Structures are given as C-alpha cells and as structure tokens.
PDB file of N, CA and C in Angstrom:
ATOM      1  N   UNK A   1      -6.171   1.653  18.525  1.00  0.00           N
ATOM      2  CA  UNK A   1      -7.173   1.565  17.477  1.00  0.00           C
ATOM      3  C   UNK A   1      -6.472   1.210  16.173  1.00  0.00           C
ATOM      4  N   UNK A   2      -6.996   0.229  15.460  1.00  0.00           N
ATOM      5  CA  UNK A   2      -6.414  -0.179  14.186  1.00  0.00           C
ATOM      6  C   UNK A   2      -6.412   0.975  13.196  1.00  0.00           C
ATOM      7  N   UNK A   3      -5.471   0.907  12.274  1.00  0.00           N
ATOM      8  CA  UNK A   3      -5.375   1.888  11.202  1.00  0.00           C
ATOM      9  C   UNK A   3      -5.081   1.136   9.911  1.00  0.00           C
ATOM     10  N   UNK A   4      -5.487   1.736   8.813  1.00  0.00           N
ATOM     11  CA  UNK A   4      -5.382   1.080   7.513  1.00  0.00           C
ATOM     12  C   UNK A   4      -4.701   2.002   6.513  1.00  0.00           C
ATOM     13  N   UNK A   5      -3.831   1.428   5.715  1.00  0.00           N
ATOM     14  CA  UNK A   5      -3.317   2.118   4.546  1.00  0.00           C
ATOM     15  C   UNK A   5      -4.043   1.516   3.360  1.00  0.00           C
ATOM     16  N   UNK A   6      -4.663   2.385   2.577  1.00  0.00           N
ATOM     17  CA  UNK A   6      -5.391   1.963   1.382  1.00  0.00           C
ATOM     18  C   UNK A   6      -4.708   2.601   0.186  1.00  0.00           C
ATOM     19  N   UNK A   7      -4.340   1.779  -0.785  1.00  0.00           N
ATOM     20  CA  UNK A   7      -3.642   2.287  -1.966  1.00  0.00           C
ATOM     21  C   UNK A   7      -4.356   1.835  -3.227  1.00  0.00           C
ATOM     22  N   UNK A   8      -4.381   2.731  -4.191  1.00  0.00           N
ATOM     23  CA  UNK A   8      -4.887   2.460  -5.536  1.00  0.00           C
ATOM     24  C   UNK A   8      -3.681   2.636  -6.450  1.00  0.00           C
ATOM     25  N   UNK A   9      -3.257   1.566  -7.102  1.00  0.00           N
ATOM     26  CA  UNK A   9      -2.010   1.553  -7.860  1.00  0.00           C
ATOM     27  C   UNK A   9      -2.300   1.331  -9.339  1.00  0.00           C
ATOM     28  N   UNK A  10      -1.729   2.182 -10.182  1.00  0.00           N
ATOM     29  CA  UNK A  10      -1.756   1.970 -11.625  1.00  0.00           C
ATOM     30  C   UNK A  10      -0.338   1.624 -12.047  1.00  0.00           C
ATOM     31  N   UNK A  11      -0.131   0.435 -12.553  1.00  0.00           N
ATOM     32  CA  UNK A  11       1.194  -0.047 -12.942  1.00  0.00           C
ATOM     33  C   UNK A  11       1.454   0.304 -14.402  1.00  0.00           C
ATOM     34  N   UNK A  12       2.613   0.940 -14.656  1.00  0.00           N
ATOM     35  CA  UNK A  12       3.010   1.245 -16.028  1.00  0.00           C
ATOM     36  C   UNK A  12       4.307   0.524 -16.421  1.00  0.00           C
ATOM     37  N   UNK A  13       5.053   0.039 -15.438  1.00  0.00           N
ATOM     38  CA  UNK A  13       6.287  -0.710 -15.691  1.00  0.00           C
ATOM     39  C   UNK A  13       6.301  -1.895 -14.719  1.00  0.00           C
ATOM     40  N   UNK A  14       5.905  -3.054 -15.211  1.00  0.00           N
ATOM     41  CA  UNK A  14       5.754  -4.235 -14.357  1.00  0.00           C
ATOM     42  C   UNK A  14       7.075  -4.672 -13.722  1.00  0.00           C
ATOM     43  N   UNK A  15       8.173  -4.535 -14.439  1.00  0.00           N
ATOM     44  CA  UNK A  15       9.476  -4.928 -13.902  1.00  0.00           C
ATOM     45  C   UNK A  15       9.881  -4.095 -12.699  1.00  0.00           C
ATOM     46  N   UNK A  16       9.762  -2.778 -12.836  1.00  0.00           N
ATOM     47  CA  UNK A  16      10.083  -1.886 -11.717  1.00  0.00           C
ATOM     48  C   UNK A  16       9.124  -2.124 -10.549  1.00  0.00           C
ATOM     49  N   UNK A  17       7.861  -2.347 -10.865  1.00  0.00           N
ATOM     50  CA  UNK A  17       6.879  -2.558  -9.798  1.00  0.00           C
ATOM     51  C   UNK A  17       7.166  -3.862  -9.056  1.00  0.00           C
ATOM     52  N   UNK A  18       7.695  -4.848  -9.733  1.00  0.00           N
ATOM     53  CA  UNK A  18       8.045  -6.112  -9.070  1.00  0.00           C
ATOM     54  C   UNK A  18       9.143  -5.882  -8.036  1.00  0.00           C
ATOM     55  N   UNK A  19      10.133  -5.069  -8.362  1.00  0.00           N
ATOM     56  CA  UNK A  19      11.206  -4.738  -7.388  1.00  0.00           C
ATOM     57  C   UNK A  19      10.620  -3.971  -6.204  1.00  0.00           C
ATOM     58  N   UNK A  20       9.713  -3.043  -6.491  1.00  0.00           N
ATOM     59  CA  UNK A  20       9.036  -2.310  -5.419  1.00  0.00           C
ATOM     60  C   UNK A  20       8.299  -3.277  -4.494  1.00  0.00           C
ATOM     61  N   UNK A  21       7.573  -4.227  -5.073  1.00  0.00           N
ATOM     62  CA  UNK A  21       6.796  -5.179  -4.263  1.00  0.00           C
ATOM     63  C   UNK A  21       7.707  -5.998  -3.350  1.00  0.00           C
ATOM     64  N   UNK A  22       8.873  -6.384  -3.839  1.00  0.00           N
ATOM     65  CA  UNK A  22       9.822  -7.123  -2.996  1.00  0.00           C
ATOM     66  C   UNK A  22      10.168  -6.318  -1.744  1.00  0.00           C
ATOM     67  N   UNK A  23      10.538  -5.063  -1.950  1.00  0.00           N
ATOM     68  CA  UNK A  23      10.972  -4.227  -0.834  1.00  0.00           C
ATOM     69  C   UNK A  23       9.795  -3.769   0.025  1.00  0.00           C
ATOM     70  N   UNK A  24       8.648  -3.508  -0.587  1.00  0.00           N
ATOM     71  CA  UNK A  24       7.500  -3.102   0.225  1.00  0.00           C
ATOM     72  C   UNK A  24       7.036  -4.269   1.089  1.00  0.00           C
ATOM     73  N   UNK A  25       7.142  -5.490   0.583  1.00  0.00           N
ATOM     74  CA  UNK A  25       6.793  -6.665   1.375  1.00  0.00           C
ATOM     75  C   UNK A  25       7.716  -6.780   2.581  1.00  0.00           C
ATOM     76  N   UNK A  26       9.001  -6.535   2.384  1.00  0.00           N
ATOM     77  CA  UNK A  26       9.945  -6.547   3.513  1.00  0.00           C
ATOM     78  C   UNK A  26       9.528  -5.525   4.567  1.00  0.00           C
ATOM     79  N   UNK A  27       9.177  -4.330   4.107  1.00  0.00           N
ATOM     80  CA  UNK A  27       8.775  -3.270   5.040  1.00  0.00           C
ATOM     81  C   UNK A  27       7.501  -3.664   5.784  1.00  0.00           C
ATOM     82  N   UNK A  28       6.557  -4.275   5.082  1.00  0.00           N
ATOM     83  CA  UNK A  28       5.316  -4.722   5.726  1.00  0.00           C
ATOM     84  C   UNK A  28       5.631  -5.730   6.828  1.00  0.00           C
ATOM     85  N   UNK A  29       6.504  -6.687   6.525  1.00  0.00           N
ATOM     86  CA  UNK A  29       6.876  -7.699   7.508  1.00  0.00           C
ATOM     87  C   UNK A  29       7.581  -7.068   8.705  1.00  0.00           C
ATOM     88  N   UNK A  30       8.474  -6.129   8.456  1.00  0.00           N
ATOM     89  CA  UNK A  30       9.210  -5.460   9.530  1.00  0.00           C
ATOM     90  C   UNK A  30       8.292  -4.684  10.461  1.00  0.00           C
ATOM     91  N   UNK A  31       7.165  -4.194   9.938  1.00  0.00           N
ATOM     92  CA  UNK A  31       6.291  -3.313  10.714  1.00  0.00           C
ATOM     93  C   UNK A  31       4.950  -3.936  11.070  1.00  0.00           C
ATOM     94  N   UNK A  32       4.847  -5.238  10.921  1.00  0.00           N
ATOM     95  CA  UNK A  32       3.658  -5.948  11.382  1.00  0.00           C
ATOM     96  C   UNK A  32       2.381  -5.647  10.614  1.00  0.00           C
ATOM     97  N   UNK A  33       2.511  -5.283   9.350  1.00  0.00           N
ATOM     98  CA  UNK A  33       1.313  -5.020   8.542  1.00  0.00           C
ATOM     99  C   UNK A  33       0.594  -6.332   8.249  1.00  0.00           C
ATOM    100  N   UNK A  34      -0.718  -6.291   8.353  1.00  0.00           N
ATOM    101  CA  UNK A  34      -1.537  -7.420   7.933  1.00  0.00           C
ATOM    102  C   UNK A  34      -2.096  -7.059   6.554  1.00  0.00           C
ATOM    103  N   UNK A  35      -1.756  -7.863   5.565  1.00  0.00           N
ATOM    104  CA  UNK A  35      -2.210  -7.603   4.200  1.00  0.00           C
ATOM    105  C   UNK A  35      -3.628  -8.149   4.064  1.00  0.00           C
ATOM    106  N   UNK A  36      -4.574  -7.244   3.895  1.00  0.00           N
ATOM    107  CA  UNK A  36      -5.981  -7.640   3.749  1.00  0.00           C
ATOM    108  C   UNK A  36      -6.382  -7.769   2.288  1.00  0.00           C
ATOM    109  N   UNK A  37      -5.830  -6.902   1.446  1.00  0.00           N
ATOM    110  CA  UNK A  37      -6.113  -6.912   0.005  1.00  0.00           C
ATOM    111  C   UNK A  37      -4.813  -6.572  -0.705  1.00  0.00           C
ATOM    112  N   UNK A  38      -4.493  -7.336  -1.745  1.00  0.00           N
ATOM    113  CA  UNK A  38      -3.319  -7.025  -2.569  1.00  0.00           C
ATOM    114  C   UNK A  38      -3.593  -7.533  -3.976  1.00  0.00           C
ATOM    115  N   UNK A  39      -4.253  -6.691  -4.751  1.00  0.00           N
ATOM    116  CA  UNK A  39      -4.606  -7.095  -6.112  1.00  0.00           C
ATOM    117  C   UNK A  39      -6.061  -7.515  -6.164  1.00  0.00           C
ATOM    118  N   UNK A  40      -6.356  -8.702  -6.385  1.00  0.00           N
ATOM    119  CA  UNK A  40      -7.715  -9.231  -6.309  1.00  0.00           C
ATOM    120  C   UNK A  40      -8.768  -8.520  -7.152  1.00  0.00           C
ATOM    121  N   UNK A  41      -9.795  -9.244  -7.457  1.00  0.00           N
ATOM    122  CA  UNK A  41     -10.914  -8.695  -8.224  1.00  0.00           C
ATOM    123  C   UNK A  41     -11.720  -7.736  -7.358  1.00  0.00           C
ATOM    124  N   UNK A  42     -12.273  -6.738  -7.980  1.00  0.00           N
ATOM    125  CA  UNK A  42     -13.133  -5.788  -7.265  1.00  0.00           C
ATOM    126  C   UNK A  42     -14.280  -5.387  -8.172  1.00  0.00           C
ATOM    127  N   UNK A  43     -15.286  -4.795  -7.561  1.00  0.00           N
ATOM    128  CA  UNK A  43     -16.464  -4.329  -8.286  1.00  0.00           C
ATOM    129  C   UNK A  43     -16.821  -2.952  -7.745  1.00  0.00           C
ATOM    130  N   UNK A  44     -16.907  -1.971  -8.613  1.00  0.00           N
ATOM    131  CA  UNK A  44     -17.323  -0.630  -8.205  1.00  0.00           C
ATOM    132  C   UNK A  44     -18.833  -0.661  -7.999  1.00  0.00           C
ATOM    133  N   UNK A  45     -19.255  -0.281  -6.803  1.00  0.00           N
ATOM    134  CA  UNK A  45     -20.685  -0.306  -6.492  1.00  0.00           C
ATOM    135  C   UNK A  45     -21.344   1.050  -6.645  1.00  0.00           C
ATOM    136  N   UNK A  46     -20.584   2.130  -6.396  1.00  0.00           N
ATOM    137  CA  UNK A  46     -21.143   3.478  -6.537  1.00  0.00           C
ATOM    138  C   UNK A  46     -20.044   4.449  -6.935  1.00  0.00           C
ATOM    139  N   UNK A  47     -20.439   5.469  -7.611  1.00  0.00           N
ATOM    140  CA  UNK A  47     -19.542   6.576  -7.909  1.00  0.00           C
ATOM    141  C   UNK A  47     -18.625   6.333  -9.096  1.00  0.00           C
ATOM    142  N   UNK A  48     -17.888   7.381  -9.473  1.00  0.00           N
ATOM    143  CA  UNK A  48     -17.051   7.340 -10.666  1.00  0.00           C
ATOM    144  C   UNK A  48     -15.652   6.764 -10.435  1.00  0.00           C
ATOM    145  N   UNK A  49     -15.356   6.276  -9.237  1.00  0.00           N
ATOM    146  CA  UNK A  49     -14.027   5.751  -8.930  1.00  0.00           C
ATOM    147  C   UNK A  49     -13.778   4.472  -9.715  1.00  0.00           C
ATOM    148  N   UNK A  50     -12.680   4.411 -10.452  1.00  0.00           N
ATOM    149  CA  UNK A  50     -12.309   3.212 -11.194  1.00  0.00           C
ATOM    150  C   UNK A  50     -10.857   2.866 -10.859  1.00  0.00           C
ATOM    151  N   UNK A  51     -10.648   2.247  -9.722  1.00  0.00           N
ATOM    152  CA  UNK A  51      -9.279   1.910  -9.326  1.00  0.00           C
ATOM    153  C   UNK A  51      -8.671   0.879 -10.276  1.00  0.00           C
ATOM    154  N   UNK A  52      -7.346   0.826 -10.273  1.00  0.00           N
ATOM    155  CA  UNK A  52      -6.642  -0.152 -11.105  1.00  0.00           C
ATOM    156  C   UNK A  52      -6.307  -1.401 -10.303  1.00  0.00           C
ATOM    157  N   UNK A  53      -5.596  -1.211  -9.210  1.00  0.00           N
ATOM    158  CA  UNK A  53      -5.167  -2.311  -8.348  1.00  0.00           C
ATOM    159  C   UNK A  53      -5.251  -1.792  -6.923  1.00  0.00           C
ATOM    160  N   UNK A  54      -5.975  -2.484  -6.066  1.00  0.00           N
ATOM    161  CA  UNK A  54      -6.163  -2.027  -4.692  1.00  0.00           C
ATOM    162  C   UNK A  54      -5.316  -2.837  -3.718  1.00  0.00           C
ATOM    163  N   UNK A  55      -4.810  -2.113  -2.709  1.00  0.00           N
ATOM    164  CA  UNK A  55      -4.053  -2.724  -1.620  1.00  0.00           C
ATOM    165  C   UNK A  55      -4.608  -2.153  -0.325  1.00  0.00           C
ATOM    166  N   UNK A  56      -4.868  -3.028   0.658  1.00  0.00           N
ATOM    167  CA  UNK A  56      -5.318  -2.592   1.976  1.00  0.00           C
ATOM    168  C   UNK A  56      -4.447  -3.292   3.015  1.00  0.00           C
ATOM    169  N   UNK A  57      -3.794  -2.486   3.850  1.00  0.00           N
ATOM    170  CA  UNK A  57      -2.942  -3.001   4.918  1.00  0.00           C
ATOM    171  C   UNK A  57      -3.511  -2.585   6.258  1.00  0.00           C
ATOM    172  N   UNK A  58      -3.491  -3.489   7.235  1.00  0.00           N
ATOM    173  CA  UNK A  58      -3.949  -3.161   8.581  1.00  0.00           C
ATOM    174  C   UNK A  58      -2.754  -3.110   9.524  1.00  0.00           C
ATOM    175  N   UNK A  59      -2.746  -2.063  10.358  1.00  0.00           N
ATOM    176  CA  UNK A  59      -1.730  -1.882  11.388  1.00  0.00           C
ATOM    177  C   UNK A  59      -2.433  -1.751  12.731  1.00  0.00           C
ATOM    178  N   UNK A  60      -1.718  -2.035  13.802  1.00  0.00           N
ATOM    179  CA  UNK A  60      -2.303  -1.928  15.142  1.00  0.00           C
ATOM    180  C   UNK A  60      -2.706  -0.493  15.479  1.00  0.00           C
ATOM    181  N   UNK A  61      -1.917   0.477  14.991  1.00  0.00           N
ATOM    182  CA  UNK A  61      -2.181   1.894  15.276  1.00  0.00           C
ATOM    183  C   UNK A  61      -1.796   2.746  14.079  1.00  0.00           C
ATOM    184  N   UNK A  62      -2.268   3.985  14.072  1.00  0.00           N
ATOM    185  CA  UNK A  62      -1.878   4.930  13.021  1.00  0.00           C
ATOM    186  C   UNK A  62      -0.379   5.221  13.109  1.00  0.00           C
ATOM    187  N   UNK A  63       0.158   5.280  14.326  1.00  0.00           N
ATOM    188  CA  UNK A  63       1.602   5.504  14.473  1.00  0.00           C
ATOM    189  C   UNK A  63       2.405   4.364  13.851  1.00  0.00           C
ATOM    190  N   UNK A  64       1.921   3.131  13.997  1.00  0.00           N
ATOM    191  CA  UNK A  64       2.600   1.986  13.385  1.00  0.00           C
ATOM    192  C   UNK A  64       2.556   2.088  11.860  1.00  0.00           C
ATOM    193  N   UNK A  65       1.441   2.539  11.319  1.00  0.00           N
ATOM    194  CA  UNK A  65       1.326   2.718   9.866  1.00  0.00           C
ATOM    195  C   UNK A  65       2.285   3.806   9.387  1.00  0.00           C
ATOM    196  N   UNK A  66       2.374   4.884  10.135  1.00  0.00           N
ATOM    197  CA  UNK A  66       3.311   5.961   9.771  1.00  0.00           C
ATOM    198  C   UNK A  66       4.760   5.482   9.864  1.00  0.00           C
ATOM    199  N   UNK A  67       5.055   4.683  10.887  1.00  0.00           N
ATOM    200  CA  UNK A  67       6.410   4.144  11.032  1.00  0.00           C
ATOM    201  C   UNK A  67       6.770   3.279   9.827  1.00  0.00           C
ATOM    202  N   UNK A  68       5.825   2.478   9.359  1.00  0.00           N
ATOM    203  CA  UNK A  68       6.032   1.691   8.143  1.00  0.00           C
ATOM    204  C   UNK A  68       6.330   2.616   6.963  1.00  0.00           C
ATOM    205  N   UNK A  69       5.448   3.592   6.759  1.00  0.00           N
ATOM    206  CA  UNK A  69       5.571   4.473   5.593  1.00  0.00           C
ATOM    207  C   UNK A  69       6.897   5.240   5.598  1.00  0.00           C
ATOM    208  N   UNK A  70       7.332   5.669   6.770  1.00  0.00           N
ATOM    209  CA  UNK A  70       8.541   6.489   6.881  1.00  0.00           C
ATOM    210  C   UNK A  70       9.807   5.674   7.111  1.00  0.00           C
ATOM    211  N   UNK A  71       9.690   4.347   7.154  1.00  0.00           N
ATOM    212  CA  UNK A  71      10.846   3.502   7.440  1.00  0.00           C
ATOM    213  C   UNK A  71      11.878   3.561   6.310  1.00  0.00           C
ATOM    214  N   UNK A  72      13.096   3.205   6.664  1.00  0.00           N
ATOM    215  CA  UNK A  72      14.181   3.157   5.684  1.00  0.00           C
ATOM    216  C   UNK A  72      13.867   2.145   4.584  1.00  0.00           C
ATOM    217  N   UNK A  73      13.314   1.001   4.972  1.00  0.00           N
ATOM    218  CA  UNK A  73      13.012  -0.048   3.990  1.00  0.00           C
ATOM    219  C   UNK A  73      11.941   0.406   3.009  1.00  0.00           C
ATOM    220  N   UNK A  74      10.867   1.032   3.528  1.00  0.00           N
ATOM    221  CA  UNK A  74       9.809   1.464   2.610  1.00  0.00           C
ATOM    222  C   UNK A  74      10.237   2.688   1.797  1.00  0.00           C
ATOM    223  N   UNK A  75      11.069   3.524   2.362  1.00  0.00           N
ATOM    224  CA  UNK A  75      11.612   4.651   1.593  1.00  0.00           C
ATOM    225  C   UNK A  75      12.394   4.120   0.396  1.00  0.00           C
ATOM    226  N   UNK A  76      13.165   3.063   0.617  1.00  0.00           N
ATOM    227  CA  UNK A  76      13.900   2.443  -0.488  1.00  0.00           C
ATOM    228  C   UNK A  76      12.922   1.856  -1.510  1.00  0.00           C
ATOM    229  N   UNK A  77      11.880   1.201  -1.024  1.00  0.00           N
ATOM    230  CA  UNK A  77      10.866   0.644  -1.932  1.00  0.00           C
ATOM    231  C   UNK A  77      10.273   1.740  -2.809  1.00  0.00           C
ATOM    232  N   UNK A  78       9.937   2.871  -2.188  1.00  0.00           N
ATOM    233  CA  UNK A  78       9.353   3.982  -2.956  1.00  0.00           C
ATOM    234  C   UNK A  78      10.324   4.474  -4.025  1.00  0.00           C
ATOM    235  N   UNK A  79      11.625   4.503  -3.719  1.00  0.00           N
ATOM    236  CA  UNK A  79      12.595   4.957  -4.727  1.00  0.00           C
ATOM    237  C   UNK A  79      12.641   3.990  -5.909  1.00  0.00           C
ATOM    238  N   UNK A  80      12.481   2.702  -5.642  1.00  0.00           N
ATOM    239  CA  UNK A  80      12.461   1.708  -6.715  1.00  0.00           C
ATOM    240  C   UNK A  80      11.206   1.819  -7.576  1.00  0.00           C
ATOM    241  N   UNK A  81      10.139   2.345  -6.989  1.00  0.00           N
ATOM    242  CA  UNK A  81       8.851   2.462  -7.682  1.00  0.00           C
ATOM    243  C   UNK A  81       8.810   3.647  -8.648  1.00  0.00           C
ATOM    244  N   UNK A  82       9.749   4.575  -8.547  1.00  0.00           N
ATOM    245  CA  UNK A  82       9.732   5.762  -9.411  1.00  0.00           C
ATOM    246  C   UNK A  82       9.690   5.347 -10.876  1.00  0.00           C
ATOM    247  N   UNK A  83       8.727   5.881 -11.603  1.00  0.00           N
ATOM    248  CA  UNK A  83       8.569   5.572 -13.017  1.00  0.00           C
ATOM    249  C   UNK A  83       7.860   4.260 -13.292  1.00  0.00           C
ATOM    250  N   UNK A  84       7.385   3.582 -12.233  1.00  0.00           N
ATOM    251  CA  UNK A  84       6.737   2.280 -12.409  1.00  0.00           C
ATOM    252  C   UNK A  84       5.224   2.386 -12.436  1.00  0.00           C
ATOM    253  N   UNK A  85       4.700   3.560 -12.126  1.00  0.00           N
ATOM    254  CA  UNK A  85       3.256   3.712 -12.110  1.00  0.00           C
ATOM    255  C   UNK A  85       2.827   4.899 -11.268  1.00  0.00           C
ATOM    256  N   UNK A  86       1.544   4.918 -10.958  1.00  0.00           N
ATOM    257  CA  UNK A  86       0.959   5.991 -10.154  1.00  0.00           C
ATOM    258  C   UNK A  86       0.399   5.370  -8.882  1.00  0.00           C
ATOM    259  N   UNK A  87       0.774   5.954  -7.747  1.00  0.00           N
ATOM    260  CA  UNK A  87       0.308   5.470  -6.442  1.00  0.00           C
ATOM    261  C   UNK A  87      -0.545   6.537  -5.808  1.00  0.00           C
ATOM    262  N   UNK A  88      -1.732   6.140  -5.392  1.00  0.00           N
ATOM    263  CA  UNK A  88      -2.608   7.003  -4.595  1.00  0.00           C
ATOM    264  C   UNK A  88      -2.808   6.256  -3.284  1.00  0.00           C
ATOM    265  N   UNK A  89      -2.496   6.902  -2.151  1.00  0.00           N
ATOM    266  CA  UNK A  89      -2.478   6.191  -0.882  1.00  0.00           C
ATOM    267  C   UNK A  89      -3.032   7.071   0.229  1.00  0.00           C
ATOM    268  N   UNK A  90      -3.822   6.464   1.102  1.00  0.00           N
ATOM    269  CA  UNK A  90      -4.334   7.181   2.267  1.00  0.00           C
ATOM    270  C   UNK A  90      -4.141   6.319   3.510  1.00  0.00           C
ATOM    271  N   UNK A  91      -4.085   6.990   4.653  1.00  0.00           N
ATOM    272  CA  UNK A  91      -4.065   6.349   5.954  1.00  0.00           C
ATOM    273  C   UNK A  91      -5.379   6.714   6.637  1.00  0.00           C
ATOM    274  N   UNK A  92      -6.085   5.706   7.130  1.00  0.00           N
ATOM    275  CA  UNK A  92      -7.370   5.958   7.782  1.00  0.00           C
ATOM    276  C   UNK A  92      -7.424   5.161   9.069  1.00  0.00           C
ATOM    277  N   UNK A  93      -7.939   5.787  10.120  1.00  0.00           N
ATOM    278  CA  UNK A  93      -8.090   5.093  11.389  1.00  0.00           C
ATOM    279  C   UNK A  93      -9.371   4.277  11.376  1.00  0.00           C
ATOM    280  N   UNK A  94      -9.325   3.123  12.032  1.00  0.00           N
ATOM    281  CA  UNK A  94     -10.486   2.270  12.144  1.00  0.00           C
ATOM    282  C   UNK A  94     -11.438   2.754  13.234  1.00  0.00           C
ATOM    283  N   UNK A  95     -12.463   1.987  13.472  1.00  0.00           N
ATOM    284  CA  UNK A  95     -13.474   2.322  14.469  1.00  0.00           C
ATOM    285  C   UNK A  95     -13.019   1.772  15.819  1.00  0.00           C
ATOM    286  N   UNK A  96     -13.158   2.595  16.848  1.00  0.00           N
ATOM    287  CA  UNK A  96     -12.752   2.169  18.189  1.00  0.00           C
ATOM    288  C   UNK A  96     -13.726   1.158  18.744  1.00  0.00           C
TER     289      UNK A  96
END
C-alpha cells in the first residue's frame, strides 16, 4: 500500500535550506520517492491551516518511507537544515 510523507515547511534561512534540498533530493532518489508536490501554489479551502511551503512524497510502502526518513543521507540533510526553518512532517498510509 502506498504511503505519503507530507511536509509543511517554513523557510527562515534560504541558503541553509538550499543545502538541505540538495541532500534531501539525493535521499529521495536513493529511496524511490515520487515527488508529487514541492513548493507550488496552494489554496486553503477549509480551516485555519496556513501552510508556508508544502511537500508531498509518495513511497511504495510505509516501511520505504521510514527507510528514507531514517537513512544516513536524509539524516545528514536534516542536520544541514538546522536553523533553516521549521519543518512539520507526517507519514500517512494511502488507501488499499
């Protein structure tokens, strides 16, 4: 069953975030992530949620998404992101 990582990112240091994006892209490629949304315009339809920048990644399974998140490459990406903004991220399973 497909699984998705959904992130809402607020960037406070564009330079640091650019380094993070380089390494997170490597991790996505290594783990077969399909990038469905990365930035792009959005419109809030209901509720008080006001995201800054949305990212949606699709993985074949929740285990594959966890492997991406816990990988050495993505761990390095996360270390580069420190002080670059605020990341809110969830893993959600798709419909069977």
